[in-house]
Amino acid sequence: MGNVQSEDYEDVYKLNLSLLEMAKEGKWDEFIELAEVYIITLHDIIENQPAEMMQDEKKNLSVMLSSLLENEDEITKTLKSRLDVLRKDMSSLQHGKKCSKAYSSQYTSAFH
């Protein structure tokens, strides 16, 4: 893992931390934009993985990948929580729409 490769791993780790922070803060528009960059960057790093690495490089990479996975688990939990909130909001909107429609139909049928 040469210097450039090490910097690439550090960059993807920083992106991962930024995504985690955005998810915690509920900055979903920014999260979506950065998530695309993160996925592409991570894919490129995986595709360009050196065939051979020294033992200490493997260990450092292993630690970083473990951290990435832990952060991604936390991001996933936060996203699931957000999805639950959105589902509840959609359900409330649908319920409100039904109530409004029922009220409107009673109101308009009284005049016909």
N, C-alpha and C. Protein backbone atom coordinates (compact mmCIF):
# COMPACT_ATOMS: atom_id res chain seq x y z
N MET A 1 0.85 -1.16 0.00
CA MET A 1 0.00 0.00 0.00
C MET A 1 0.90 1.22 0.00
N GLY A 2 1.07 1.83 -1.14
CA GLY A 2 1.92 2.99 -1.25
C GLY A 2 1.26 4.22 -0.66
N ASN A 3 1.95 5.34 -0.75
CA ASN A 3 1.46 6.58 -0.17
C ASN A 3 0.13 7.01 -0.77
N VAL A 4 0.00 6.91 -2.08
CA VAL A 4 -1.25 7.29 -2.73
C VAL A 4 -2.38 6.39 -2.25
N GLN A 5 -2.13 5.10 -2.16
CA GLN A 5 -3.14 4.16 -1.72
C GLN A 5 -3.57 4.47 -0.28
N SER A 6 -2.62 4.76 0.57
CA SER A 6 -2.91 5.10 1.96
C SER A 6 -3.80 6.35 2.03
N GLU A 7 -3.50 7.33 1.21
CA GLU A 7 -4.30 8.55 1.17
C GLU A 7 -5.71 8.26 0.68
N ASP A 8 -5.84 7.35 -0.28
CA ASP A 8 -7.15 6.97 -0.78
C ASP A 8 -8.01 6.37 0.34
N TYR A 9 -7.40 5.49 1.13
CA TYR A 9 -8.13 4.89 2.24
C TYR A 9 -8.53 5.94 3.28
N GLU A 10 -7.63 6.87 3.54
CA GLU A 10 -7.94 7.94 4.48
C GLU A 10 -9.07 8.81 3.96
N ASP A 11 -9.07 9.08 2.66
CA ASP A 11 -10.13 9.89 2.06
C ASP A 11 -11.49 9.21 2.19
N VAL A 12 -11.53 7.91 1.91
CA VAL A 12 -12.81 7.21 2.00
C VAL A 12 -13.27 7.13 3.46
N TYR A 13 -12.34 7.03 4.38
CA TYR A 13 -12.68 7.03 5.80
C TYR A 13 -13.27 8.38 6.22
N LYS A 14 -12.68 9.47 5.72
CA LYS A 14 -13.21 10.81 6.02
C LYS A 14 -14.61 10.98 5.43
N LEU A 15 -14.81 10.47 4.22
CA LEU A 15 -16.15 10.52 3.62
C LEU A 15 -17.14 9.75 4.48
N ASN A 16 -16.72 8.59 4.96
CA ASN A 16 -17.56 7.76 5.81
C ASN A 16 -17.94 8.51 7.09
N LEU A 17 -16.97 9.16 7.71
CA LEU A 17 -17.25 9.92 8.94
C LEU A 17 -18.20 11.09 8.65
N SER A 18 -18.03 11.73 7.51
CA SER A 18 -18.92 12.82 7.13
C SER A 18 -20.35 12.32 6.93
N LEU A 19 -20.48 11.17 6.29
CA LEU A 19 -21.81 10.59 6.10
C LEU A 19 -22.47 10.27 7.44
N LEU A 20 -21.69 9.71 8.35
CA LEU A 20 -22.22 9.39 9.67
C LEU A 20 -22.70 10.65 10.38
N GLU A 21 -21.91 11.69 10.33
CA GLU A 21 -22.28 12.95 10.98
C GLU A 21 -23.53 13.55 10.34
N MET A 22 -23.60 13.54 9.02
CA MET A 22 -24.78 14.07 8.33
C MET A 22 -26.03 13.28 8.69
N ALA A 23 -25.90 11.96 8.78
CA ALA A 23 -27.04 11.12 9.15
C ALA A 23 -27.51 11.45 10.56
N LYS A 24 -26.57 11.61 11.48
CA LYS A 24 -26.92 11.95 12.86
C LYS A 24 -27.61 13.31 12.95
N GLU A 25 -27.17 14.25 12.11
CA GLU A 25 -27.72 15.60 12.13
C GLU A 25 -28.97 15.75 11.27
N GLY A 26 -29.32 14.70 10.52
CA GLY A 26 -30.50 14.76 9.67
C GLY A 26 -30.34 15.62 8.44
N LYS A 27 -29.12 15.78 7.97
CA LYS A 27 -28.85 16.56 6.75
C LYS A 27 -28.97 15.62 5.55
N TRP A 28 -30.20 15.29 5.21
CA TRP A 28 -30.45 14.21 4.24
C TRP A 28 -30.10 14.59 2.82
N ASP A 29 -30.34 15.82 2.40
CA ASP A 29 -29.98 16.22 1.03
C ASP A 29 -28.47 16.15 0.82
N GLU A 30 -27.72 16.66 1.79
CA GLU A 30 -26.27 16.60 1.70
C GLU A 30 -25.78 15.15 1.79
N PHE A 31 -26.45 14.37 2.63
CA PHE A 31 -26.10 12.96 2.79
C PHE A 31 -26.21 12.22 1.46
N ILE A 32 -27.30 12.44 0.75
CA ILE A 32 -27.53 11.75 -0.52
C ILE A 32 -26.44 12.09 -1.53
N GLU A 33 -26.10 13.37 -1.61
CA GLU A 33 -25.06 13.79 -2.56
C GLU A 33 -23.71 13.16 -2.22
N LEU A 34 -23.36 13.17 -0.94
CA LEU A 34 -22.06 12.62 -0.52
C LEU A 34 -22.05 11.10 -0.59
N ALA A 35 -23.19 10.46 -0.38
CA ALA A 35 -23.26 9.00 -0.42
C ALA A 35 -22.85 8.48 -1.80
N GLU A 36 -23.27 9.18 -2.83
CA GLU A 36 -22.89 8.78 -4.19
C GLU A 36 -21.38 8.85 -4.37
N VAL A 37 -20.78 9.93 -3.91
CA VAL A 37 -19.32 10.09 -4.01
C VAL A 37 -18.63 8.99 -3.21
N TYR A 38 -19.13 8.72 -2.02
CA TYR A 38 -18.55 7.70 -1.14
C TYR A 38 -18.58 6.32 -1.81
N ILE A 39 -19.71 5.95 -2.36
CA ILE A 39 -19.85 4.63 -2.99
C ILE A 39 -18.92 4.50 -4.18
N ILE A 40 -18.85 5.52 -5.01
CA ILE A 40 -17.97 5.47 -6.18
C ILE A 40 -16.51 5.40 -5.75
N THR A 41 -16.14 6.22 -4.78
CA THR A 41 -14.75 6.22 -4.28
C THR A 41 -14.38 4.87 -3.69
N LEU A 42 -15.26 4.33 -2.86
CA LEU A 42 -15.01 3.03 -2.25
C LEU A 42 -14.90 1.93 -3.31
N HIS A 43 -15.76 1.98 -4.29
CA HIS A 43 -15.72 1.00 -5.39
C HIS A 43 -14.39 1.08 -6.13
N ASP A 44 -13.95 2.30 -6.44
CA ASP A 44 -12.68 2.48 -7.15
C ASP A 44 -11.50 1.95 -6.33
N ILE A 45 -11.52 2.19 -5.04
CA ILE A 45 -10.44 1.70 -4.17
C ILE A 45 -10.42 0.18 -4.16
N ILE A 46 -11.58 -0.41 -4.05
CA ILE A 46 -11.65 -1.88 -4.03
C ILE A 46 -11.18 -2.46 -5.35
N GLU A 47 -11.58 -1.83 -6.45
CA GLU A 47 -11.18 -2.31 -7.77
C GLU A 47 -9.67 -2.19 -8.00
N ASN A 48 -9.05 -1.19 -7.40
CA ASN A 48 -7.63 -0.94 -7.60
C ASN A 48 -6.78 -1.43 -6.44
N GLN A 49 -7.30 -2.37 -5.71
CA GLN A 49 -6.59 -2.95 -4.56
C GLN A 49 -5.29 -3.59 -5.05
N PRO A 50 -4.17 -3.28 -4.40
CA PRO A 50 -2.91 -3.91 -4.80
C PRO A 50 -2.95 -5.42 -4.55
N ALA A 51 -2.30 -6.16 -5.42
CA ALA A 51 -2.30 -7.62 -5.31
C ALA A 51 -1.59 -8.08 -4.04
N GLU A 52 -0.54 -7.39 -3.68
CA GLU A 52 0.22 -7.78 -2.50
C GLU A 52 0.39 -6.58 -1.59
N MET A 53 0.31 -6.86 -0.29
CA MET A 53 0.52 -5.81 0.70
C MET A 53 1.39 -6.36 1.82
N MET A 54 2.10 -5.46 2.45
CA MET A 54 2.92 -5.86 3.58
C MET A 54 2.01 -6.11 4.79
N GLN A 55 2.51 -6.87 5.75
CA GLN A 55 1.70 -7.26 6.90
C GLN A 55 1.15 -6.06 7.67
N ASP A 56 1.98 -5.05 7.90
CA ASP A 56 1.50 -3.88 8.65
C ASP A 56 0.46 -3.10 7.85
N GLU A 57 0.59 -3.10 6.53
CA GLU A 57 -0.41 -2.45 5.69
C GLU A 57 -1.74 -3.19 5.77
N LYS A 58 -1.68 -4.52 5.77
CA LYS A 58 -2.89 -5.32 5.90
C LYS A 58 -3.58 -5.05 7.24
N LYS A 59 -2.78 -4.94 8.29
CA LYS A 59 -3.34 -4.69 9.62
C LYS A 59 -4.01 -3.32 9.66
N ASN A 60 -3.33 -2.30 9.14
CA ASN A 60 -3.91 -0.95 9.11
C ASN A 60 -5.20 -0.92 8.30
N LEU A 61 -5.19 -1.60 7.17
CA LEU A 61 -6.38 -1.67 6.33
C LEU A 61 -7.51 -2.38 7.05
N SER A 62 -7.18 -3.45 7.74
CA SER A 62 -8.18 -4.20 8.48
C SER A 62 -8.85 -3.34 9.55
N VAL A 63 -8.05 -2.57 10.27
CA VAL A 63 -8.60 -1.68 11.30
C VAL A 63 -9.52 -0.63 10.67
N MET A 64 -9.08 -0.05 9.56
CA MET A 64 -9.87 0.97 8.91
C MET A 64 -11.18 0.39 8.36
N LEU A 65 -11.10 -0.79 7.75
CA LEU A 65 -12.31 -1.41 7.22
C LEU A 65 -13.29 -1.76 8.33
N SER A 66 -12.78 -2.19 9.47
CA SER A 66 -13.65 -2.46 10.62
C SER A 66 -14.37 -1.19 11.06
N SER A 67 -13.65 -0.09 11.08
CA SER A 67 -14.26 1.19 11.45
C SER A 67 -15.31 1.61 10.43
N LEU A 68 -14.99 1.41 9.15
CA LEU A 68 -15.96 1.74 8.10
C LEU A 68 -17.24 0.94 8.29
N LEU A 69 -17.10 -0.35 8.55
CA LEU A 69 -18.27 -1.21 8.73
C LEU A 69 -19.08 -0.81 9.96
N GLU A 70 -18.41 -0.48 11.05
CA GLU A 70 -19.12 -0.03 12.25
C GLU A 70 -19.90 1.25 11.96
N ASN A 71 -19.26 2.19 11.28
CA ASN A 71 -19.93 3.44 10.94
C ASN A 71 -21.10 3.20 10.00
N GLU A 72 -20.92 2.30 9.04
CA GLU A 72 -22.01 2.00 8.11
C GLU A 72 -23.17 1.34 8.83
N ASP A 73 -22.89 0.52 9.82
CA ASP A 73 -23.97 -0.06 10.63
C ASP A 73 -24.75 1.03 11.35
N GLU A 74 -24.04 1.98 11.91
CA GLU A 74 -24.71 3.09 12.60
C GLU A 74 -25.50 3.95 11.62
N ILE A 75 -24.94 4.18 10.43
CA ILE A 75 -25.66 4.92 9.40
C ILE A 75 -26.93 4.18 9.01
N THR A 76 -26.83 2.87 8.84
CA THR A 76 -27.99 2.05 8.49
C THR A 76 -29.08 2.15 9.54
N LYS A 77 -28.70 2.09 10.81
CA LYS A 77 -29.68 2.23 11.89
C LYS A 77 -30.36 3.60 11.84
N THR A 78 -29.58 4.63 11.59
CA THR A 78 -30.13 5.98 11.51
C THR A 78 -31.07 6.10 10.32
N LEU A 79 -30.70 5.50 9.19
CA LEU A 79 -31.56 5.53 8.01
C LEU A 79 -32.86 4.77 8.25
N LYS A 80 -32.78 3.64 8.93
CA LYS A 80 -34.00 2.88 9.25
C LYS A 80 -34.92 3.68 10.16
N SER A 81 -34.33 4.37 11.11
CA SER A 81 -35.12 5.22 12.00
C SER A 81 -35.80 6.33 11.22
N ARG A 82 -35.06 6.93 10.30
CA ARG A 82 -35.63 7.99 9.46
C ARG A 82 -36.75 7.44 8.58
N LEU A 83 -36.56 6.26 8.06
CA LEU A 83 -37.59 5.62 7.23
C LEU A 83 -38.86 5.39 8.05
N ASP A 84 -38.71 4.98 9.29
CA ASP A 84 -39.88 4.79 10.16
C ASP A 84 -40.63 6.10 10.36
N VAL A 85 -39.88 7.19 10.57
CA VAL A 85 -40.51 8.51 10.73
C VAL A 85 -41.26 8.89 9.46
N LEU A 86 -40.64 8.68 8.31
CA LEU A 86 -41.29 9.01 7.04
C LEU A 86 -42.54 8.16 6.81
N ARG A 87 -42.47 6.89 7.18
CA ARG A 87 -43.66 6.02 7.04
C ARG A 87 -44.80 6.53 7.90
N LYS A 88 -44.49 6.91 9.13
CA LYS A 88 -45.52 7.44 10.03
C LYS A 88 -46.10 8.73 9.48
N ASP A 89 -45.24 9.59 8.95
CA ASP A 89 -45.71 10.84 8.36
C ASP A 89 -46.61 10.57 7.16
N MET A 90 -46.22 9.63 6.33
CA MET A 90 -47.04 9.29 5.16
C MET A 90 -48.38 8.70 5.59
N SER A 91 -48.35 7.87 6.61
CA SER A 91 -49.58 7.29 7.13
C SER A 91 -50.51 8.38 7.67
N SER A 92 -49.94 9.33 8.39
CA SER A 92 -50.73 10.45 8.92
C SER A 92 -51.32 11.28 7.79
N LEU A 93 -50.52 11.53 6.76
CA LEU A 93 -51.02 12.28 5.61
C LEU A 93 -52.16 11.55 4.92
N GLN A 94 -51.99 10.25 4.76
CA GLN A 94 -53.03 9.45 4.12
C GLN A 94 -54.30 9.46 4.96
N HIS A 95 -54.15 9.34 6.27
CA HIS A 95 -55.30 9.37 7.17
C HIS A 95 -55.98 10.74 7.09
N GLY A 96 -55.19 11.80 7.08
CA GLY A 96 -55.74 13.15 6.96
C GLY A 96 -56.47 13.35 5.64
N LYS A 97 -55.94 12.77 4.59
CA LYS A 97 -56.57 12.87 3.28
C LYS A 97 -57.93 12.16 3.29
N LYS A 98 -57.98 10.99 3.91
CA LYS A 98 -59.24 10.24 4.00
C LYS A 98 -60.27 11.02 4.81
N CYS A 99 -59.83 11.61 5.93
CA CYS A 99 -60.74 12.39 6.76
C CYS A 99 -61.26 13.60 6.01
N SER A 100 -60.37 14.27 5.31
CA SER A 100 -60.75 15.44 4.54
C SER A 100 -61.75 15.07 3.45
N LYS A 101 -61.49 13.95 2.79
CA LYS A 101 -62.38 13.49 1.73
C LYS A 101 -63.75 13.13 2.30
N ALA A 102 -63.76 12.45 3.44
CA ALA A 102 -65.03 12.07 4.07
C ALA A 102 -65.80 13.32 4.49
N TYR A 103 -65.11 14.29 5.04
CA TYR A 103 -65.75 15.53 5.45
C TYR A 103 -66.31 16.26 4.24
N SER A 104 -65.51 16.33 3.18
CA SER A 104 -65.94 17.02 1.96
C SER A 104 -67.15 16.34 1.35
N SER A 105 -67.16 15.02 1.34
CA SER A 105 -68.29 14.31 0.73
C SER A 105 -69.56 14.54 1.54
N GLN A 106 -69.47 14.62 2.85
CA GLN A 106 -70.65 14.91 3.67
C GLN A 106 -71.12 16.34 3.45
N TYR A 107 -70.19 17.24 3.35
CA TYR A 107 -70.51 18.65 3.18
C TYR A 107 -71.15 18.90 1.82
N THR A 108 -70.60 18.30 0.77
CA THR A 108 -71.15 18.52 -0.57
C THR A 108 -72.45 17.76 -0.77
N SER A 109 -72.61 16.59 -0.13
CA SER A 109 -73.85 15.84 -0.31
C SER A 109 -75.02 16.52 0.40
N ALA A 110 -74.76 17.34 1.38
CA ALA A 110 -75.82 18.05 2.09
C ALA A 110 -76.44 19.12 1.21
N PHE A 111 -75.70 19.60 0.23
CA PHE A 111 -76.21 20.64 -0.66
C PHE A 111 -76.78 20.09 -1.96
N HIS A 112 -76.74 18.81 -2.15
CA HIS A 112 -77.27 18.22 -3.40
C HIS A 112 -78.57 17.56 -3.18
